Structure formats: structure tokens, C-alpha cells
Amino acid sequence: MLCNQSMDQPVLHRLITADEIALIIKKLGDQISRDYSGKELILVCILKGAFMFLSDLIRHLPMPVKIDFVRLASYGAGTKTSGWVEITKDIETPIEGKDVLIIEDIVDSGRTLQFLKERLELSHPRSVKICTLLDKKARREVNIDADYVGKEIGNVFVVGYGIDFNESYRNLPEIYYVAPSQNDQP
């Protein structure tokens, strides 16, 4: 458990250690390397949450890769998706006829990924696939699955390793779940 000084901050419980994250990313890197061997790959990282994941993942990809970033907003300051997606930074790399791999920190409702995948497909890439560190299938609201999944997790709100709560906790080297507050208890 990660102790917090302030009563306003949530109580965090470790869910995935730094060593476990490293093993998950190595396994994903090996799978992606096999599948894209001999191809040029464009990685599209969803900011801000997936930046740490991308940074570690590319170290396990021996083939040439190009990297671009997109920033999509769907949460605001809450712990649940708002249901709408807004682009606040779009990709700049031409993707027509290219293999594209979306890098995401966590698939929750699936709305953000569905929106992005459909938008990228409008540029006629050769392929668009999804790689996510975490998959929370219990919260899925649309029919979308990641092609590469690091780890499935239950219906808990997580922070750390790039994933935030109201722009805090991204710097934690491990992944924690946020314990419900006393007010949320039945």
C-alpha cells in the first residue's frame, strides 16, 4: 500500500510491480517483433498515459519504427469516461499504405480506441492494430479488442506508470489501484 499524507488523496494499493511491467513489455515486444519482422512500423502513442509504456516498448523492437503521438481527451477530472472523445493533438506522420500500431495504456470503455482506429483508417493505412498495456474488459461499452494485450485487469481504477488521476501519479514506477473512499462504501 502506498501511504498518503493528505485525507484528500486516495489510498493506493500495488497491483503490478515494476519487474512485472518489465516482463509484460518484453513479451509484447517479442510478439510485435515477430509479427512485423521485415516491415516498417508506425507507432501512434496515445498521450499522455501511454508515454512510459511506449518508451520502454520501443527498446524491445529491433526493426525500424517511426513514432507519432495523438492526444485524446475523454475523462476530464473524473474516474469514469465522459462518453465523448476530443482530439487535442493529431498525428503528423503520413500513414497511407503503412502498418500502424496504436500504443495505449489501458482499454476501458473502448470508446477512445474505437474513435481513433476509425479515424486512422480514413487515411488508408495497410493495417491498424492496437497494443495496450492493460485491458479492463469488464468496463467495455463498444465492440473493440486489442491485438496485443499486456495484462487483463479487473474493474478497478488504476494509476502509475504513466496513468493518472486528475494529472497526478503518472510518475509512479508501478501500477496501483485506487481504493474506494469511505464515502463510496455501501
Protein backbone atom coordinates (compact mmCIF):
# COMPACT_ATOMS: atom_id res chain seq x y z
CA MET A 1 0.00 0.00 0.00
CA LEU A 2 1.18 3.50 -0.82
CA CYS A 3 0.56 5.80 2.13
CA ASN A 4 -0.77 9.28 1.54
CA GLN A 5 -0.36 12.23 3.89
CA SER A 6 -3.49 14.13 2.91
CA MET A 7 -7.04 12.97 3.55
CA ASP A 8 -7.96 14.33 0.09
CA GLN A 9 -5.67 11.85 -1.69
CA PRO A 10 -6.84 8.32 -2.45
CA VAL A 11 -5.30 5.25 -0.85
CA LEU A 12 -3.30 3.26 -3.40
CA HIS A 13 -2.63 -0.49 -3.40
CA ARG A 14 0.05 -2.01 -5.64
CA LEU A 15 -1.41 -4.07 -8.46
CA ILE A 16 1.59 -4.62 -10.79
CA THR A 17 5.25 -4.30 -9.78
CA ALA A 18 7.96 -2.68 -11.88
CA ASP A 19 9.51 -6.12 -12.51
CA GLU A 20 6.16 -7.49 -13.71
CA ILE A 21 5.72 -4.49 -16.03
CA ALA A 22 9.19 -5.11 -17.50
CA LEU A 23 8.34 -8.79 -18.21
CA ILE A 24 4.99 -7.87 -19.77
CA ILE A 25 6.65 -5.31 -22.06
CA LYS A 26 9.41 -7.70 -23.12
CA LYS A 27 6.80 -10.32 -24.05
CA LEU A 28 4.81 -7.75 -26.05
CA GLY A 29 8.00 -6.55 -27.77
CA ASP A 30 8.86 -10.12 -28.76
CA GLN A 31 5.36 -10.69 -30.22
CA ILE A 32 5.34 -7.41 -32.15
CA SER A 33 8.88 -8.02 -33.44
CA ARG A 34 7.87 -11.42 -34.82
CA ASP A 35 4.67 -10.11 -36.41
CA TYR A 36 6.30 -7.07 -38.04
CA SER A 37 9.66 -8.59 -38.94
CA GLY A 38 10.99 -7.02 -42.12
CA LYS A 39 8.34 -4.28 -42.10
CA GLU A 40 8.46 -0.61 -41.24
CA LEU A 41 6.08 0.11 -38.40
CA ILE A 42 4.50 3.39 -37.32
CA LEU A 43 3.71 3.53 -33.62
CA VAL A 44 0.98 6.00 -32.66
CA CYS A 45 1.14 6.66 -28.94
CA ILE A 46 -1.92 7.99 -27.15
CA LEU A 47 -0.82 10.78 -24.83
CA LYS A 48 -0.41 11.27 -22.03
CA GLY A 49 -0.95 7.89 -20.40
CA ALA A 50 0.97 5.62 -22.78
CA PHE A 51 4.23 7.61 -23.00
CA MET A 52 6.11 5.48 -20.42
CA PHE A 53 4.82 2.27 -21.96
CA LEU A 54 5.93 3.40 -25.45
CA SER A 55 9.33 4.46 -24.16
CA ASP A 56 10.03 1.01 -22.73
CA LEU A 57 8.34 -0.94 -25.54
CA ILE A 58 10.41 0.57 -28.38
CA ARG A 59 13.59 -0.67 -26.71
CA HIS A 60 12.36 -4.21 -27.47
CA LEU A 61 11.66 -3.58 -31.17
CA PRO A 62 14.72 -4.27 -33.35
CA MET A 63 13.06 -3.22 -36.62
CA PRO A 64 12.83 0.34 -37.96
CA VAL A 65 9.95 2.21 -36.33
CA LYS A 66 8.51 5.68 -36.68
CA ILE A 67 6.77 7.28 -33.75
CA ASP A 68 3.97 9.79 -33.63
CA PHE A 69 1.63 10.99 -30.92
CA VAL A 70 -2.04 11.75 -30.59
CA ARG A 71 -3.78 13.24 -27.59
CA LEU A 72 -7.40 12.40 -26.98
CA ALA A 73 -9.49 13.52 -24.03
CA SER A 74 -12.41 11.54 -22.63
CA TYR A 75 -12.08 11.60 -18.84
CA GLY A 76 -11.65 15.17 -17.65
CA ALA A 77 -11.08 15.12 -13.89
CA GLY A 78 -13.22 12.07 -13.17
CA THR A 79 -12.61 8.35 -12.82
CA LYS A 80 -15.14 7.35 -15.50
CA THR A 81 -15.14 8.17 -19.19
CA SER A 82 -17.40 11.02 -20.21
CA GLY A 83 -18.53 9.13 -23.32
CA TRP A 84 -17.23 11.70 -25.82
CA VAL A 85 -13.77 11.93 -27.35
CA GLU A 86 -11.93 15.11 -28.27
CA ILE A 87 -8.69 15.33 -30.27
CA THR A 88 -6.31 17.81 -28.68
CA LYS A 89 -3.21 16.76 -30.72
CA ASP A 90 -3.38 14.87 -34.00
CA ILE A 91 -0.71 12.76 -35.72
CA GLU A 92 1.63 14.41 -38.23
CA THR A 93 3.12 11.34 -39.95
CA PRO A 94 1.54 10.20 -43.25
CA ILE A 95 0.19 6.66 -42.73
CA GLU A 96 -1.32 5.79 -46.10
CA GLY A 97 -0.22 2.28 -47.07
CA LYS A 98 1.71 1.83 -43.80
CA ASP A 99 1.39 -0.58 -40.88
CA VAL A 100 0.17 1.35 -37.83
CA LEU A 101 0.21 0.14 -34.24
CA ILE A 102 -1.72 2.22 -31.71
CA ILE A 103 0.00 2.22 -28.31
CA GLU A 104 -2.45 2.64 -25.42
CA ASP A 105 -2.02 2.46 -21.66
CA ILE A 106 -5.41 0.94 -20.81
CA VAL A 107 -8.52 -0.10 -22.71
CA ASP A 108 -11.53 0.70 -20.57
CA SER A 109 -14.85 1.52 -22.27
CA GLY A 110 -13.13 1.16 -25.66
CA ARG A 111 -14.72 4.36 -26.98
CA THR A 112 -11.42 6.25 -27.31
CA LEU A 113 -9.74 3.43 -29.22
CA GLN A 114 -12.73 2.85 -31.45
CA PHE A 115 -12.78 6.56 -32.31
CA LEU A 116 -9.03 6.67 -33.02
CA LYS A 117 -8.91 3.45 -35.02
CA GLU A 118 -11.80 4.56 -37.24
CA ARG A 119 -10.21 7.97 -37.72
CA LEU A 120 -6.81 6.48 -38.66
CA GLU A 121 -8.45 4.06 -41.10
CA LEU A 122 -9.75 7.09 -43.05
CA SER A 123 -6.10 7.67 -44.12
CA HIS A 124 -5.97 4.20 -45.76
CA PRO A 125 -3.08 2.56 -43.89
CA ARG A 126 -2.17 -1.03 -44.79
CA SER A 127 -3.15 -2.10 -41.28
CA VAL A 128 -4.16 -0.62 -37.94
CA LYS A 129 -3.70 -2.71 -34.83
CA ILE A 130 -3.83 -1.95 -31.12
CA CYS A 131 -1.32 -2.68 -28.38
CA THR A 132 -2.36 -1.99 -24.79
CA LEU A 133 -0.54 -2.46 -21.53
CA LEU A 134 -3.76 -3.09 -19.59
CA ASP A 135 -7.18 -4.35 -20.67
CA LYS A 136 -10.25 -3.82 -18.48
CA LYS A 137 -12.86 -5.88 -20.35
CA ALA A 138 -15.42 -5.60 -17.55
CA ARG A 139 -15.96 -1.94 -18.49
CA ARG A 140 -16.17 -2.35 -22.29
CA GLU A 141 -19.00 -0.37 -23.87
CA VAL A 142 -18.14 -0.94 -27.55
CA ASN A 143 -17.00 -3.94 -29.56
CA ILE A 144 -13.24 -3.43 -29.82
CA ASP A 145 -10.35 -5.65 -28.80
CA ALA A 146 -6.63 -5.02 -28.65
CA ASP A 147 -4.39 -7.16 -30.84
CA TYR A 148 -1.62 -7.13 -28.21
CA VAL A 149 -2.57 -7.16 -24.53
CA GLY A 150 -0.06 -6.92 -21.73
CA LYS A 151 -2.37 -7.85 -18.86
CA GLU A 152 -6.09 -8.08 -18.21
CA ILE A 153 -7.23 -6.40 -15.01
CA GLY A 154 -10.50 -6.30 -13.10
CA ASN A 155 -12.85 -3.37 -12.77
CA VAL A 156 -10.55 -1.15 -10.69
CA PHE A 157 -9.33 2.40 -11.27
CA VAL A 158 -5.54 2.35 -11.70
CA VAL A 159 -2.74 4.91 -11.60
CA GLY A 160 1.02 4.89 -12.05
CA TYR A 161 3.45 4.12 -14.86
CA GLY A 162 2.06 6.99 -16.93
CA ILE A 163 -1.57 6.50 -15.95
CA ASP A 164 -3.03 9.40 -14.00
CA PHE A 165 -5.83 10.51 -11.75
CA ASN A 166 -6.52 14.20 -12.37
CA GLU A 167 -2.97 14.57 -13.83
CA SER A 168 -1.28 13.10 -10.71
CA TYR A 169 0.51 9.77 -10.10
CA ARG A 170 1.95 9.32 -13.64
CA ASN A 171 5.45 9.29 -12.14
CA LEU A 172 4.95 6.13 -10.06
CA PRO A 173 7.13 3.27 -11.38
CA GLU A 174 4.49 0.64 -10.58
CA ILE A 175 0.74 0.36 -11.16
CA TYR A 176 -1.64 0.83 -8.25
CA TYR A 177 -5.38 0.56 -7.89
CA VAL A 178 -7.25 3.29 -6.11
CA ALA A 179 -9.12 2.06 -3.05
CA PRO A 180 -12.67 3.35 -2.80
CA SER A 181 -13.12 6.18 -0.34
CA GLN A 182 -15.22 5.75 2.77
CA ASN A 183 -17.93 7.82 1.06
CA ASP A 184 -18.10 5.26 -1.76
CA GLN A 185 -18.60 2.32 0.60
CA PRO A 186 -22.14 0.89 0.80
